[in-house]
């Protein structure tokens, strides 16, 4: 979609040759009333709008005024699920290429939706894969069983972040808090206790990613330790599952890499104590066979709108989450630290140096198998940096 002549209010919206110009950049902003606003050239004072509700109403650039005619629903679907319709929230009609004329300058208008018919299919290309150390990285901590839960996020991930900086990563790294008692966290997605469950936390995390990154066409990397990995997986899985059908989830996410460390993808043995001791929704969601764990298993390698490369890291010495559960999804990379090396549950996020025996599997070459390799923090950095050159 192109704003003709890069104009202001009243400018018609048309098809045009791709040129990477500002007039072809559209920033999506979630509207509190439902749907999204589409701002041309990242200008939040201007909105995509229609002149009326009649079939054939043309699309124009307008001054934003909150009118429903400036709000749209993004509906994913079509072949492979990668296409989308853009529908008016007023009457559900779709943005359409007038008379199916695919020439530069053709006006766009509203027309009755035709189930992802070619003139109504729109694909926003995902950001190019970065394969560098400048991608935003979000660090999500795990479960705290305390009666008043909360972590010092810097204390939790500080060793890893300091090592990342030493290895050349930029300061574009953010720790994520969600407990009311969390401190020294860069961002906060909730002020929870234990009572909301992992579906809700995944939803809050998904909206944070969408509002702050994906809607601005920026992809992110994620590191999740223990339960934090389930929150990350839930955000990617349920966003893709609900896109276009469930407005309580974002329309899409751009997540490039995810590394989970000691995450109970298949549930945790210790979470069985929930029935006896804790009985809180978060802990119950981590049990073997819980509704949340079973729901995630319907997509063993969940993908965002950008291809998402998953790495699971576990340890045979982890007494909290078994290595089998830590690798209980079809990730593109799997690392298992062998026993008798002292690689405990918390060690997975804090061990920054040393040489360890491990099993390492990568989808692109099926290997290398049993090797002597680096620390979990080193493996995490490598996984986020490049999908195959490590």
Protein backbone atom coordinates (compact mmCIF):
# COMPACT_ATOMS: atom_id res chain seq x y z
CA UNK A 1 0.00 0.00 0.00
CA UNK A 2 1.32 3.40 -0.98
CA UNK A 3 0.23 6.90 0.06
CA UNK A 4 0.14 8.69 -3.30
CA UNK A 5 2.71 11.46 -3.63
CA UNK A 6 3.63 10.97 0.05
CA UNK A 7 0.83 13.39 0.79
CA UNK A 8 -1.13 14.41 3.86
CA UNK A 9 -4.85 14.26 4.70
CA UNK A 10 -7.00 13.50 1.68
CA UNK A 11 -4.29 11.62 -0.21
CA UNK A 12 -5.58 8.47 -1.88
CA UNK A 13 -4.02 5.08 -1.12
CA UNK A 14 -2.88 3.04 -4.10
CA UNK A 15 -0.81 0.16 -5.39
CA UNK A 16 2.76 1.09 -6.31
CA UNK A 17 6.10 -0.50 -7.07
CA UNK A 18 8.04 -1.38 -3.88
CA UNK A 19 10.57 1.38 -3.24
CA UNK A 20 11.32 1.24 0.52
CA UNK A 21 9.96 4.78 0.79
CA UNK A 22 8.25 6.24 3.84
CA UNK A 23 4.94 6.33 1.95
CA UNK A 24 4.95 2.52 1.95
CA UNK A 25 5.67 2.11 5.66
CA UNK A 26 2.58 1.58 7.81
CA UNK A 27 2.81 1.47 11.58
CA UNK A 28 0.11 -0.57 13.32
CA UNK A 29 -1.16 0.74 16.65
CA UNK A 30 -3.60 -1.34 18.67
CA UNK A 31 -6.81 0.61 19.31
CA UNK A 32 -8.36 0.34 22.75
CA UNK A 33 -11.79 0.26 21.14
CA UNK A 34 -10.79 -2.79 19.09
CA UNK A 35 -8.82 -3.30 15.89
CA UNK A 36 -5.74 -1.32 14.87
CA UNK A 37 -4.92 2.08 13.45
CA UNK A 38 -2.62 2.13 10.41
CA UNK A 39 -0.30 5.15 10.38
CA UNK A 40 1.62 6.00 7.19
CA UNK A 41 5.33 6.80 7.42
CA UNK A 42 5.24 6.26 11.23
CA UNK A 43 3.22 9.50 11.55
CA UNK A 44 0.77 8.95 14.42
CA UNK A 45 -1.18 12.08 13.44
CA UNK A 46 -2.25 10.44 10.16
CA UNK A 47 -4.43 7.35 9.76
CA UNK A 48 -5.64 5.11 6.97
CA UNK A 49 -9.36 5.63 6.62
CA UNK A 50 -12.35 5.18 4.34
CA UNK A 51 -14.86 7.77 3.24
CA UNK A 52 -17.93 5.69 4.02
CA UNK A 53 -19.40 2.25 4.47
CA UNK A 54 -20.57 1.74 0.89
CA UNK A 55 -19.03 -0.91 -1.32
CA UNK A 56 -16.33 0.78 -3.36
CA UNK A 57 -15.53 3.47 -0.79
CA UNK A 58 -11.94 4.57 -1.49
CA UNK A 59 -9.12 4.51 1.04
CA UNK A 60 -7.55 7.83 1.97
CA UNK A 61 -4.92 9.19 4.31
CA UNK A 62 -6.80 11.14 6.96
CA UNK A 63 -6.05 13.10 10.12
CA UNK A 64 -6.53 10.69 13.02
CA UNK A 65 -9.76 11.35 14.89
CA UNK A 66 -10.64 8.03 16.57
CA UNK A 67 -13.49 7.36 14.15
CA UNK A 68 -14.39 3.72 13.63
CA UNK A 69 -13.82 4.20 9.88
CA UNK A 70 -10.11 4.49 10.71
CA UNK A 71 -9.90 1.17 12.54
CA UNK A 72 -9.27 -2.22 10.98
CA UNK A 73 -9.03 -5.87 11.95
CA UNK A 74 -6.03 -7.85 10.68
CA UNK A 75 -7.16 -11.40 9.86
CA UNK A 76 -4.50 -14.02 9.18
CA UNK A 77 -5.19 -16.99 6.98
CA UNK A 78 -4.94 -18.00 3.36
CA UNK A 79 -2.41 -20.44 2.05
CA UNK A 80 0.02 -21.44 4.81
CA UNK A 81 -1.53 -18.91 7.19
CA UNK A 82 0.90 -16.21 6.08
CA UNK A 83 -1.58 -13.98 4.25
CA UNK A 84 -3.91 -11.48 5.83
CA UNK A 85 -7.08 -9.62 5.10
CA UNK A 86 -7.50 -6.05 6.35
CA UNK A 87 -11.13 -5.56 7.35
CA UNK A 88 -13.00 -2.45 8.42
CA UNK A 89 -14.27 -2.75 11.99
CA UNK A 90 -17.50 -1.02 10.92
CA UNK A 91 -18.89 -3.53 8.46
CA UNK A 92 -16.21 -6.21 8.05
CA UNK A 93 -15.50 -5.32 4.40
CA UNK A 94 -11.98 -5.88 3.09
CA UNK A 95 -9.37 -3.61 1.55
CA UNK A 96 -9.43 -4.60 -2.11
CA UNK A 97 -7.52 -3.81 -5.32
CA UNK A 98 -10.14 -2.08 -7.46
CA UNK A 99 -11.20 -4.11 -10.48
CA UNK A 100 -8.25 -6.48 -9.78
CA UNK A 101 -6.00 -4.11 -11.74
CA UNK A 102 -2.46 -4.82 -10.56
CA UNK A 103 -0.80 -1.70 -11.97
CA UNK A 104 0.97 1.12 -10.14
CA UNK A 105 -1.54 3.82 -9.33
CA UNK A 106 -4.57 1.54 -8.93
CA UNK A 107 -6.83 2.86 -6.18
CA UNK A 108 -7.60 0.70 -3.15
CA UNK A 109 -11.16 0.52 -1.87
CA UNK A 110 -13.48 -1.43 0.43
CA UNK A 111 -15.29 -4.45 -0.97
CA UNK A 112 -17.05 -7.51 0.34
CA UNK A 113 -14.57 -10.11 1.63
CA UNK A 114 -14.05 -13.16 -0.54
CA UNK A 115 -12.11 -15.61 1.65
CA UNK A 116 -8.58 -14.44 0.87
CA UNK A 117 -9.21 -13.94 -2.83
CA UNK A 118 -6.07 -12.60 -4.55
CA UNK A 119 -7.05 -8.88 -4.69
CA UNK A 120 -7.63 -8.95 -0.93
CA UNK A 121 -4.53 -10.81 0.27
CA UNK A 122 -1.82 -8.75 1.90
CA UNK A 123 1.49 -9.97 3.22
CA UNK A 124 3.70 -7.80 5.38
CA UNK A 125 7.22 -9.15 4.95
CA UNK A 126 8.85 -10.10 8.23
CA UNK A 127 12.05 -8.32 9.21
CA UNK A 128 15.17 -9.83 7.70
CA UNK A 129 17.00 -12.24 9.94
CA UNK A 130 19.60 -10.26 11.87
CA UNK A 131 22.19 -12.93 12.80
CA UNK A 132 24.01 -10.33 14.84
CA UNK A 133 24.43 -9.04 18.37
CA UNK A 134 22.22 -5.96 18.05
CA UNK A 135 18.78 -7.65 18.13
CA UNK A 136 16.64 -6.73 21.15
CA UNK A 137 16.85 -9.57 23.69
CA UNK A 138 14.16 -10.16 26.33
CA UNK A 139 15.04 -12.21 29.44
CA UNK A 140 12.12 -13.90 31.24
CA UNK A 141 12.70 -15.38 34.70
CA UNK A 142 11.11 -18.47 36.18
CA UNK A 143 8.71 -19.45 38.94
CA UNK A 144 9.11 -18.22 42.51
CA UNK A 145 7.35 -20.50 45.05
CA UNK A 146 7.47 -17.89 47.84
CA UNK A 147 4.18 -16.76 49.35
CA UNK A 148 4.92 -13.21 48.11
CA UNK A 149 6.84 -13.98 44.93
CA UNK A 150 9.40 -11.72 43.34
CA UNK A 151 12.93 -11.76 41.94
CA UNK A 152 15.66 -9.20 41.54
CA UNK A 153 15.84 -9.45 37.74
CA UNK A 154 19.40 -8.16 37.60
CA UNK A 155 20.47 -10.68 40.22
CA UNK A 156 18.71 -13.39 38.23
CA UNK A 157 20.21 -12.67 34.81
CA UNK A 158 23.11 -10.30 35.59
CA UNK A 159 25.86 -12.89 35.04
CA UNK A 160 24.50 -13.73 31.62
CA UNK A 161 23.94 -10.13 30.54
CA UNK A 162 27.42 -9.03 31.65
CA UNK A 163 28.95 -11.87 29.68
CA UNK A 164 26.88 -10.99 26.63
CA UNK A 165 28.18 -7.43 26.80
CA UNK A 166 31.74 -8.74 27.09
CA UNK A 167 31.14 -10.82 23.94
CA UNK A 168 30.04 -7.79 21.93
CA UNK A 169 26.28 -7.64 22.43
CA UNK A 170 24.77 -4.18 22.56
CA UNK A 171 22.86 -2.77 25.52
CA UNK A 172 19.60 -3.60 23.73
CA UNK A 173 18.74 -6.22 26.37
CA UNK A 174 15.77 -6.11 28.73
CA UNK A 175 14.83 -8.18 31.77
CA UNK A 176 11.09 -8.80 32.09
CA UNK A 177 9.21 -8.66 35.37
CA UNK A 178 5.72 -10.01 36.03
CA UNK A 179 5.50 -10.56 39.82
CA UNK A 180 4.41 -7.69 42.06
CA UNK A 181 7.55 -8.34 44.10
CA UNK A 182 9.97 -8.21 41.15
CA UNK A 183 12.68 -5.56 41.43
CA UNK A 184 15.37 -4.13 39.15
CA UNK A 185 13.57 -5.32 36.03
CA UNK A 186 13.86 -3.25 32.86
CA UNK A 187 10.23 -3.76 31.86
CA UNK A 188 7.11 -5.06 33.58
CA UNK A 189 4.28 -6.92 31.85
CA UNK A 190 2.23 -7.56 35.01
CA UNK A 191 2.21 -7.20 38.80
CA UNK A 192 1.02 -10.70 39.52
CA UNK A 193 1.17 -13.12 42.43
CA UNK A 194 0.70 -16.78 41.49
CA UNK A 195 -2.96 -16.52 40.72
CA UNK A 196 -3.33 -15.75 37.02
CA UNK A 197 -1.77 -18.78 35.36
CA UNK A 198 0.54 -19.15 32.39
CA UNK A 199 -2.01 -18.53 29.65
CA UNK A 200 -2.64 -15.03 30.98
CA UNK A 201 1.06 -14.29 31.51
CA UNK A 202 1.82 -15.50 27.98
CA UNK A 203 -0.88 -13.16 26.70
CA UNK A 204 0.57 -10.16 28.55
CA UNK A 205 4.03 -10.96 27.23
CA UNK A 206 2.70 -11.30 23.68
CA UNK A 207 1.05 -7.89 23.83
CA UNK A 208 4.22 -6.34 25.24
CA UNK A 209 6.22 -7.71 22.30
CA UNK A 210 3.62 -6.59 19.78
CA UNK A 211 3.11 -3.09 21.18
CA UNK A 212 6.80 -2.32 21.62
CA UNK A 213 8.47 -4.24 18.78
CA UNK A 214 6.40 -6.23 16.26
CA UNK A 215 3.98 -3.43 15.43
CA UNK A 216 7.03 -1.30 14.65
CA UNK A 217 8.43 -4.01 12.37
CA UNK A 218 11.19 -4.96 14.84
CA UNK A 219 11.90 -8.57 15.74
CA UNK A 220 13.17 -9.79 19.10
CA UNK A 221 15.14 -12.63 20.64
CA UNK A 222 13.96 -14.25 23.88
CA UNK A 223 15.77 -16.10 26.68
CA UNK A 224 13.46 -17.96 29.06
CA UNK A 225 14.69 -19.78 32.15
CA UNK A 226 12.48 -22.46 33.69
CA UNK A 227 8.84 -21.27 33.65
CA UNK A 228 9.97 -18.21 31.66
CA UNK A 229 10.45 -20.48 28.66
CA UNK A 230 6.82 -21.61 28.89
CA UNK A 231 5.67 -17.99 28.93
CA UNK A 232 7.71 -17.35 25.78
CA UNK A 233 6.41 -20.48 24.06
CA UNK A 234 2.84 -19.65 25.04
CA UNK A 235 3.17 -16.14 23.64
CA UNK A 236 4.33 -17.40 20.24
CA UNK A 237 1.97 -20.38 20.07
CA UNK A 238 -1.28 -18.73 21.13
CA UNK A 239 -0.67 -15.56 19.12
CA UNK A 240 -0.35 -17.64 15.97
CA UNK A 241 -3.31 -19.81 16.93
CA UNK A 242 -5.58 -16.87 17.74
CA UNK A 243 -4.51 -14.43 15.03
CA UNK A 244 -7.54 -13.07 13.20
CA UNK A 245 -9.99 -15.03 15.33
CA UNK A 246 -9.28 -14.02 18.92
CA UNK A 247 -8.81 -10.29 19.42
CA UNK A 248 -7.51 -10.84 22.95
CA UNK A 249 -4.22 -11.85 21.30
CA UNK A 250 -2.05 -9.68 19.03
CA UNK A 251 -2.49 -10.11 15.26
CA UNK A 252 1.11 -11.38 14.90
CA UNK A 253 4.58 -11.38 16.48
CA UNK A 254 8.08 -11.13 15.02
CA UNK A 255 10.28 -13.40 17.15
CA UNK A 256 13.57 -14.45 15.57
CA UNK A 257 15.21 -16.72 18.18
CA UNK A 258 14.14 -18.29 21.47
CA UNK A 259 16.42 -20.12 23.90
CA UNK A 260 14.85 -21.98 26.82
CA UNK A 261 16.98 -23.12 29.76
CA UNK A 262 15.62 -25.83 32.04
CA UNK A 263 12.06 -25.21 30.85
CA UNK A 264 9.49 -27.93 31.63
CA UNK A 265 8.05 -28.23 28.12
CA UNK A 266 6.55 -31.60 29.06
CA UNK A 267 5.82 -30.59 32.66
CA UNK A 268 7.82 -30.95 35.85
CA UNK A 269 7.94 -33.75 38.43
CA UNK A 270 8.24 -31.23 41.25
CA UNK A 271 5.13 -29.42 40.03
CA UNK A 272 3.23 -32.46 41.33
CA UNK A 273 3.62 -30.93 44.78
CA UNK A 274 1.14 -28.27 43.65
CA UNK A 275 -1.75 -30.56 44.50
CA UNK A 276 -0.46 -30.99 48.05
CA UNK A 277 1.43 -27.85 49.04
CA UNK A 278 1.09 -24.83 46.77
CA UNK A 279 -2.06 -25.25 44.70
CA UNK A 280 -1.55 -22.06 42.71
CA UNK A 281 -2.41 -21.71 38.99
CA UNK A 282 1.18 -21.18 37.82
CA UNK A 283 2.46 -24.30 39.52
CA UNK A 284 -0.54 -26.34 38.42
CA UNK A 285 0.02 -25.23 34.82
CA UNK A 286 3.53 -26.75 34.95
CA UNK A 287 2.35 -30.24 35.92
CA UNK A 288 2.64 -33.20 33.60
CA UNK A 289 -0.52 -33.33 31.50
CA UNK A 290 -1.88 -29.93 32.55
CA UNK A 291 -4.22 -28.13 30.18
CA UNK A 292 -1.55 -25.53 29.46
CA UNK A 293 1.21 -28.06 28.72
CA UNK A 294 -1.14 -30.16 26.59
CA UNK A 295 -2.24 -27.05 24.69
CA UNK A 296 1.36 -26.19 23.81
CA UNK A 297 1.97 -29.72 22.56
CA UNK A 298 -0.39 -29.12 19.63
CA UNK A 299 2.43 -27.06 18.04
CA UNK A 300 5.77 -28.66 18.85
CA UNK A 301 7.74 -25.96 17.02
CA UNK A 302 5.57 -22.83 17.22
CA UNK A 303 6.34 -20.12 14.71
CA UNK A 304 5.77 -16.40 14.79
CA UNK A 305 5.04 -14.42 11.62
CA UNK A 306 8.81 -14.38 11.26
CA UNK A 307 10.50 -17.80 11.17
CA UNK A 308 11.37 -18.55 14.80
CA UNK A 309 14.47 -20.61 15.60
CA UNK A 310 14.17 -22.52 18.88
CA UNK A 311 16.98 -23.89 21.07
CA UNK A 312 16.27 -26.00 24.16
CA UNK A 313 18.98 -26.49 26.79
CA UNK A 314 18.73 -28.96 29.66
CA UNK A 315 20.97 -30.87 32.04
CA UNK A 316 21.02 -34.39 33.44
CA UNK A 317 22.03 -32.96 36.84
CA UNK A 318 18.99 -30.66 36.96
CA UNK A 319 16.90 -31.92 39.89
CA UNK A 320 14.00 -29.54 39.19
CA UNK A 321 13.28 -30.13 35.48
CA UNK A 322 14.39 -33.35 33.82
CA UNK A 323 16.47 -33.04 30.68
CA UNK A 324 13.76 -34.97 28.83
CA UNK A 325 11.17 -32.32 29.69
CA UNK A 326 13.64 -29.49 29.04
CA UNK A 327 13.89 -30.82 25.48
CA UNK A 328 10.23 -31.76 25.19
CA UNK A 329 9.52 -29.85 21.98
CA UNK A 330 10.77 -30.16 18.41
CA UNK A 331 13.31 -27.35 18.60
CA UNK A 332 15.81 -26.78 15.81
CA UNK A 333 18.69 -27.07 18.28
CA UNK A 334 18.92 -29.26 21.39
CA UNK A 335 21.70 -29.26 23.99
CA UNK A 336 21.93 -31.68 26.91
CA UNK A 337 24.68 -31.37 29.51
CA UNK A 338 25.74 -34.79 30.76
CA UNK A 339 25.62 -35.80 34.42
CA UNK A 340 28.33 -35.53 37.08
CA UNK A 341 29.32 -32.02 35.99
CA UNK A 342 27.28 -30.12 38.59
CA UNK A 343 25.01 -28.45 36.05
CA UNK A 344 22.07 -27.64 38.34
CA UNK A 345 18.80 -25.88 37.46
CA UNK A 346 20.02 -22.39 38.35
CA UNK A 347 23.48 -23.16 36.92
CA UNK A 348 21.96 -23.18 33.43
CA UNK A 349 21.45 -19.41 33.56
CA UNK A 350 24.55 -18.43 35.54
CA UNK A 351 27.44 -20.64 34.33
CA UNK A 352 29.41 -18.40 31.98
CA UNK A 353 32.67 -20.28 31.47
CA UNK A 354 34.21 -23.73 31.43
CA UNK A 355 34.22 -26.77 29.19
CA UNK A 356 31.52 -29.42 29.50
CA UNK A 357 30.54 -32.70 27.93
CA UNK A 358 27.21 -32.46 26.17
CA UNK A 359 24.99 -33.82 23.46
CA UNK A 360 24.38 -31.21 20.75
CA UNK A 361 21.90 -31.65 17.88
CA UNK A 362 21.16 -29.16 15.09
CA UNK A 363 18.45 -29.61 12.49
CA UNK A 364 20.54 -28.34 9.58
CA UNK A 365 23.20 -31.04 9.86
CA UNK A 366 21.89 -33.61 12.38
CA UNK A 367 24.94 -33.16 14.58
CA UNK A 368 27.51 -32.83 15.89
CA UNK A 369 26.47 -35.27 18.65
CA UNK A 370 28.55 -35.89 21.78
CA UNK A 371 31.10 -33.12 22.13
CA UNK A 372 33.03 -31.12 24.69
CA UNK A 373 31.65 -27.61 24.44
CA UNK A 374 31.06 -24.35 26.22
CA UNK A 375 28.91 -23.20 29.11
CA UNK A 376 25.12 -22.80 28.90
CA UNK A 377 25.52 -19.02 28.74
CA UNK A 378 27.96 -19.41 25.86
CA UNK A 379 25.55 -21.77 24.10
CA UNK A 380 22.72 -19.28 24.62
CA UNK A 381 24.73 -16.45 23.08
CA UNK A 382 25.65 -18.61 20.09
CA UNK A 383 22.04 -19.69 19.56
CA UNK A 384 20.78 -16.10 19.53
CA UNK A 385 23.60 -14.88 17.33
CA UNK A 386 23.28 -17.28 14.42
CA UNK A 387 20.98 -20.16 13.54
CA UNK A 388 23.66 -22.46 12.14
CA UNK A 389 27.22 -21.12 12.53
CA UNK A 390 27.94 -22.45 16.02
